[in-house]
Amino acid sequence: MDVLTKTTEGITKHALEVIKKINPEQINLMIEKIIDSDAIFIVGTGRSELVGKAFAMRLMHLGFTVYVVGDVTTPAINDEDCLIAISGSGETKTVTLAAKTTKDVGASVIGITGNLNSTLNEYMDVAINIETKTKEAWKHYTSSVLKGDYDDLTPMGTLFEDTSLLFLDGLIAEFMVRLSKKEDDLKMRHAIIE
């Protein structure tokens, strides 16, 4: 089997296993917080930011008011809003500062992280645990690592980012069902100036 196929299959299998382990109560709470918020703010850095932007686009397609932290048109967050903070390590300075600021104004923080023992965890109202390798080195070797199931072909945060993207895309489908939206509803809000 070639490297591309083997690695892609490994990433996909890993993502499905991790997503199945996410606490369903936390998923439901995340959905409720998003639906009940006046606006949704999303923050991440690097590839986590790209994952967040992809999710922001789909939320916009669903009709939510959504902003990506750092964009020049992003307004102030208030206590009727929520922040989705994406950080594999849970220690990314930009993300933890945004989470702290969010809590200071009384808004909710939804954290998506691979590290529940992190600074980000101090601010989270909802914890989505993407139990996987992040860009930080493994602190505790699991049996799968010792068996050689982990390799350098999924470097740094690849597994966290890919799993987060699949989870958030799956969440969009959940929103579509709960809000009785069809693909045509999303297409109506798709960009026409490209």
Protein backbone atom coordinates (compact mmCIF):
# COMPACT_ATOMS: atom_id res chain seq x y z
CA MET A 1 0.00 0.00 0.00
CA ASP A 2 1.41 3.42 -0.88
CA VAL A 3 2.20 6.01 1.78
CA LEU A 4 -0.60 8.39 0.79
CA THR A 5 -3.31 5.72 1.01
CA LYS A 6 -1.95 4.21 4.23
CA THR A 7 -1.66 7.59 5.93
CA THR A 8 -5.09 8.81 4.77
CA GLU A 9 -6.72 5.61 5.97
CA GLY A 10 -4.93 5.94 9.31
CA ILE A 11 -6.02 9.57 9.76
CA THR A 12 -9.63 8.74 8.89
CA LYS A 13 -9.78 5.71 11.18
CA HIS A 14 -8.21 7.69 14.00
CA ALA A 15 -10.62 10.60 13.54
CA LEU A 16 -13.68 8.34 13.64
CA GLU A 17 -12.47 6.61 16.81
CA VAL A 18 -11.80 9.94 18.54
CA ILE A 19 -15.10 11.52 17.49
CA LYS A 20 -17.02 8.54 18.89
CA LYS A 21 -15.39 9.21 22.29
CA ILE A 22 -16.50 12.85 22.53
CA ASN A 23 -18.96 13.31 25.38
CA PRO A 24 -22.48 13.57 23.81
CA GLU A 25 -23.64 15.88 26.64
CA GLN A 26 -20.86 18.31 25.75
CA ILE A 27 -21.81 18.12 22.07
CA ASN A 28 -25.45 18.93 22.90
CA LEU A 29 -24.36 21.76 25.16
CA MET A 30 -22.19 23.14 22.35
CA ILE A 31 -25.13 23.05 19.95
CA GLU A 32 -27.41 24.78 22.47
CA LYS A 33 -24.84 27.50 23.24
CA ILE A 34 -24.39 28.23 19.53
CA ILE A 35 -28.15 28.33 18.84
CA ASP A 36 -28.80 30.56 21.88
CA SER A 37 -25.99 33.04 21.12
CA ASP A 38 -26.51 36.36 19.35
CA ALA A 39 -23.15 35.90 17.63
CA ILE A 40 -20.49 33.22 17.48
CA PHE A 41 -16.81 34.14 17.58
CA ILE A 42 -14.15 31.64 16.52
CA VAL A 43 -10.48 31.76 17.43
CA GLY A 44 -7.51 29.57 16.61
CA THR A 45 -4.03 30.01 15.21
CA GLY A 46 -2.26 28.35 12.32
CA ARG A 47 -4.05 25.30 10.96
CA SER A 48 -6.55 25.41 13.84
CA GLU A 49 -7.56 28.85 12.60
CA LEU A 50 -8.14 27.42 9.12
CA VAL A 51 -10.35 24.70 10.62
CA GLY A 52 -12.23 27.43 12.52
CA LYS A 53 -12.69 29.49 9.36
CA ALA A 54 -14.15 26.48 7.54
CA PHE A 55 -16.64 26.02 10.40
CA ALA A 56 -17.41 29.75 10.46
CA MET A 57 -18.28 29.66 6.77
CA ARG A 58 -20.75 26.82 7.24
CA LEU A 59 -22.33 28.49 10.29
CA MET A 60 -22.79 31.61 8.16
CA HIS A 61 -24.38 29.46 5.44
CA LEU A 62 -26.81 28.22 8.09
CA GLY A 63 -27.76 31.81 8.93
CA PHE A 64 -25.78 32.34 12.13
CA THR A 65 -23.97 35.60 12.83
CA VAL A 66 -20.35 34.49 13.05
CA TYR A 67 -16.98 36.22 13.25
CA VAL A 68 -13.37 35.02 13.12
CA VAL A 69 -11.24 36.68 15.79
CA GLY A 70 -8.52 38.74 14.14
CA ASP A 71 -10.51 39.78 11.08
CA VAL A 72 -10.70 43.57 10.85
CA THR A 73 -14.51 43.56 10.75
CA THR A 74 -14.88 41.52 13.97
CA PRO A 75 -16.83 43.54 16.57
CA ALA A 76 -16.61 43.41 20.36
CA ILE A 77 -17.92 40.27 22.01
CA ASN A 78 -20.67 40.67 24.62
CA ASP A 79 -22.41 38.51 27.20
CA GLU A 80 -25.03 37.25 24.73
CA ASP A 81 -22.35 35.73 22.48
CA CYS A 82 -20.10 32.69 22.58
CA LEU A 83 -16.52 31.96 21.62
CA ILE A 84 -15.34 28.74 20.03
CA ALA A 85 -11.67 28.41 20.98
CA ILE A 86 -9.64 25.83 19.04
CA SER A 87 -6.24 24.80 20.39
CA GLY A 88 -4.75 21.32 20.39
CA SER A 89 -2.44 22.10 23.28
CA GLY A 90 -4.87 24.38 25.08
CA GLU A 91 -1.93 26.68 25.68
CA THR A 92 -1.91 28.86 22.54
CA LYS A 93 -1.53 32.42 23.86
CA THR A 94 -3.90 34.07 21.37
CA VAL A 95 -6.58 31.47 22.08
CA THR A 96 -6.26 31.49 25.88
CA LEU A 97 -6.26 35.30 25.95
CA ALA A 98 -9.43 35.37 23.82
CA ALA A 99 -11.04 32.83 26.16
CA LYS A 100 -10.12 34.89 29.23
CA THR A 101 -11.48 38.08 27.64
CA THR A 102 -14.68 36.24 26.72
CA LYS A 103 -15.19 35.06 30.31
CA ASP A 104 -14.42 38.58 31.60
CA VAL A 105 -17.38 39.98 29.60
CA GLY A 106 -19.67 37.13 30.67
CA ALA A 107 -19.91 35.24 27.38
CA SER A 108 -19.61 31.46 26.99
CA VAL A 109 -16.47 29.64 25.91
CA ILE A 110 -16.64 26.43 23.91
CA GLY A 111 -13.21 24.83 23.89
CA ILE A 112 -12.01 22.33 21.32
CA THR A 113 -8.75 20.89 22.55
CA GLY A 114 -6.63 17.81 22.94
CA ASN A 115 -5.58 18.82 26.45
CA LEU A 116 -8.19 19.18 29.18
CA ASN A 117 -5.41 19.89 31.70
CA SER A 118 -4.53 23.21 30.11
CA THR A 119 -4.91 26.95 30.54
CA LEU A 120 -7.83 26.92 28.09
CA ASN A 121 -9.68 24.50 30.37
CA GLU A 122 -9.81 27.21 33.07
CA TYR A 123 -12.20 29.25 30.89
CA MET A 124 -14.31 26.60 29.13
CA ASP A 125 -18.06 26.26 29.68
CA VAL A 126 -18.15 23.44 27.14
CA ALA A 127 -15.25 21.02 26.62
CA ILE A 128 -14.90 19.17 23.34
CA ASN A 129 -12.04 16.77 23.89
CA ILE A 130 -10.29 15.78 20.67
CA GLU A 131 -8.24 13.05 22.30
CA THR A 132 -5.28 12.93 19.95
CA LYS A 133 -1.71 13.97 19.33
CA THR A 134 -1.18 17.71 18.99
CA LYS A 135 1.92 19.65 17.98
CA GLU A 136 3.15 19.22 21.56
CA ALA A 137 5.22 16.12 22.17
CA TRP A 138 3.50 13.11 23.71
CA LYS A 139 3.66 13.41 27.49
CA HIS A 140 2.37 9.91 28.16
CA TYR A 141 3.05 7.06 25.80
CA THR A 142 -0.07 5.03 25.20
CA SER A 143 -0.10 1.38 24.23
CA SER A 144 -0.83 2.34 20.61
CA VAL A 145 2.29 4.50 20.50
CA LEU A 146 4.37 1.71 22.00
CA LYS A 147 2.97 -0.70 19.39
CA GLY A 148 4.09 1.67 16.66
CA ASP A 149 0.66 2.90 15.58
CA TYR A 150 1.95 6.48 15.69
CA ASP A 151 4.46 7.68 13.14
CA ASP A 152 5.96 10.92 11.86
CA LEU A 153 3.76 10.92 8.75
CA THR A 154 1.08 12.78 10.70
CA PRO A 155 3.35 15.56 11.99
CA MET A 156 2.63 17.94 14.82
CA GLY A 157 -1.08 18.82 14.99
CA THR A 158 -2.25 16.96 11.87
CA LEU A 159 -4.40 14.43 13.74
CA PHE A 160 -5.94 17.11 15.97
CA GLU A 161 -6.72 19.44 13.07
CA ASP A 162 -8.09 16.76 10.74
CA THR A 163 -10.22 15.26 13.51
CA SER A 164 -11.51 18.70 14.52
CA LEU A 165 -12.45 19.50 10.92
CA LEU A 166 -14.37 16.23 10.51
CA PHE A 167 -16.11 16.71 13.87
CA LEU A 168 -17.17 20.26 13.00
CA ASP A 169 -18.37 19.25 9.52
CA GLY A 170 -20.41 16.48 11.16
CA LEU A 171 -21.79 19.08 13.56
CA ILE A 172 -22.99 21.16 10.58
CA ALA A 173 -25.02 18.15 9.44
CA GLU A 174 -26.49 17.92 12.96
CA PHE A 175 -27.44 21.62 12.79
CA MET A 176 -29.04 21.07 9.38
CA VAL A 177 -31.26 18.33 10.80
CA ARG A 178 -32.17 20.22 13.98
CA LEU A 179 -32.89 23.46 12.08
CA SER A 180 -34.65 21.69 9.16
CA LYS A 181 -32.18 23.11 6.63
CA LYS A 182 -31.40 21.62 3.23
CA GLU A 183 -28.40 22.17 0.98
CA ASP A 184 -30.41 24.69 -1.05
CA ASP A 185 -30.89 26.79 2.10
CA LEU A 186 -27.11 26.95 2.54
CA LYS A 187 -26.52 27.71 -1.14
CA MET A 188 -28.70 30.83 -0.84
CA ARG A 189 -26.06 32.32 1.49
CA HIS A 190 -23.04 31.16 -0.50
CA ALA A 191 -20.72 33.92 -1.74
CA ILE A 192 -21.51 35.25 -5.21
CA ILE A 193 -18.64 37.75 -5.33
CA GLU A 194 -15.59 35.53 -5.65
